[in-house]
Amino acid sequence: MENPINYIGNKVYAFVNNNLSFVITLAIIGIISAIVGHYGQLGFKWKPFIFFELPLYVFCGWALHKAYVIYRRAKDISN
């Protein structure tokens, strides 16, 4: 029998590899939900938003974009 960790890892890898647009969409929905929940609980304050939170959100968007570009390049090379 195959190691359970390897079995689960192979299934997750296959799912993400075949459904990356779904995974990225899920990540974007998660980020938006976190933003709404954060402001719903703490209220909106413009100074922390401009100097801390906005750069964090920009970085998250940039990281998602770079992950998608890397995935597309790797998929084009393998085909």
Protein backbone atom coordinates (compact mmCIF):
# COMPACT_ATOMS: atom_id res chain seq x y z
CA MET A 1 0.00 0.00 0.00
CA GLU A 2 1.16 3.49 -0.84
CA ASN A 3 2.06 5.91 1.94
CA PRO A 4 -1.14 7.85 2.85
CA ILE A 5 0.70 11.19 2.78
CA ASN A 6 1.99 10.52 -0.75
CA TYR A 7 -1.47 9.37 -1.86
CA ILE A 8 -3.15 12.52 -0.56
CA GLY A 9 -0.34 14.70 -1.91
CA ASN A 10 -0.63 13.20 -5.38
CA LYS A 11 -4.41 13.73 -5.39
CA VAL A 12 -4.06 17.37 -4.28
CA TYR A 13 -1.30 17.99 -6.85
CA ALA A 14 -3.42 16.52 -9.66
CA PHE A 15 -6.45 18.59 -8.62
CA VAL A 16 -4.51 21.87 -8.42
CA ASN A 17 -2.66 21.16 -11.66
CA ASN A 18 -5.89 20.48 -13.55
CA ASN A 19 -8.01 23.20 -11.91
CA LEU A 20 -5.70 26.15 -11.27
CA SER A 21 -8.29 28.73 -12.30
CA PHE A 22 -10.63 27.33 -9.64
CA VAL A 23 -7.89 27.45 -7.00
CA ILE A 24 -6.99 31.07 -7.88
CA THR A 25 -10.67 32.04 -7.84
CA LEU A 26 -11.00 30.41 -4.43
CA ALA A 27 -7.95 32.35 -3.21
CA ILE A 28 -9.40 35.65 -4.46
CA ILE A 29 -12.74 34.91 -2.76
CA GLY A 30 -10.85 34.08 0.45
CA ILE A 31 -8.88 37.34 0.34
CA ILE A 32 -12.04 39.38 -0.28
CA SER A 33 -13.84 37.56 2.55
CA ALA A 34 -10.94 38.29 4.91
CA ILE A 35 -11.04 41.97 3.98
CA VAL A 36 -14.80 42.22 4.53
CA GLY A 37 -14.55 40.35 7.84
CA HIS A 38 -11.66 42.52 9.01
CA TYR A 39 -13.46 45.78 8.34
CA GLY A 40 -16.74 44.37 9.63
CA GLN A 41 -15.21 43.67 13.02
CA LEU A 42 -12.76 46.54 13.41
CA GLY A 43 -14.18 49.30 11.26
CA PHE A 44 -12.32 51.20 8.58
CA LYS A 45 -9.39 53.42 9.56
CA TRP A 46 -7.69 55.14 6.65
CA LYS A 47 -4.14 55.51 8.02
CA PRO A 48 -3.54 51.79 8.72
CA PHE A 49 -5.26 51.00 5.44
CA ILE A 50 -2.95 53.20 3.35
CA PHE A 51 0.31 52.32 5.10
CA PHE A 52 -0.14 48.65 5.98
CA GLU A 53 -3.21 46.96 4.55
CA LEU A 54 -3.19 48.29 1.00
CA PRO A 55 0.43 47.20 0.40
CA LEU A 56 -0.48 43.80 1.84
CA TYR A 57 -3.44 43.43 -0.53
CA VAL A 58 -1.33 44.57 -3.48
CA PHE A 59 1.31 41.99 -2.56
CA CYS A 60 -1.31 39.22 -2.35
CA GLY A 61 -2.61 40.16 -5.79
CA TRP A 62 0.90 40.29 -7.21
CA ALA A 63 1.73 36.87 -5.74
CA LEU A 64 -1.43 35.34 -7.25
CA HIS A 65 -0.61 36.89 -10.62
CA LYS A 66 2.99 35.58 -10.56
CA ALA A 67 1.81 32.09 -9.57
CA TYR A 68 -0.60 32.09 -12.51
CA VAL A 69 2.12 33.28 -14.94
CA ILE A 70 4.56 30.63 -13.72
CA TYR A 71 1.86 27.97 -14.07
CA ARG A 72 1.00 29.05 -17.61
CA ARG A 73 4.67 29.05 -18.68
CA ALA A 74 5.24 25.61 -17.19
CA LYS A 75 2.10 24.26 -18.84
CA ASP A 76 3.14 25.71 -22.24
CA ILE A 77 6.62 24.18 -21.94
CA SER A 78 5.26 20.74 -21.03
CA ASN A 79 2.81 20.67 -23.97
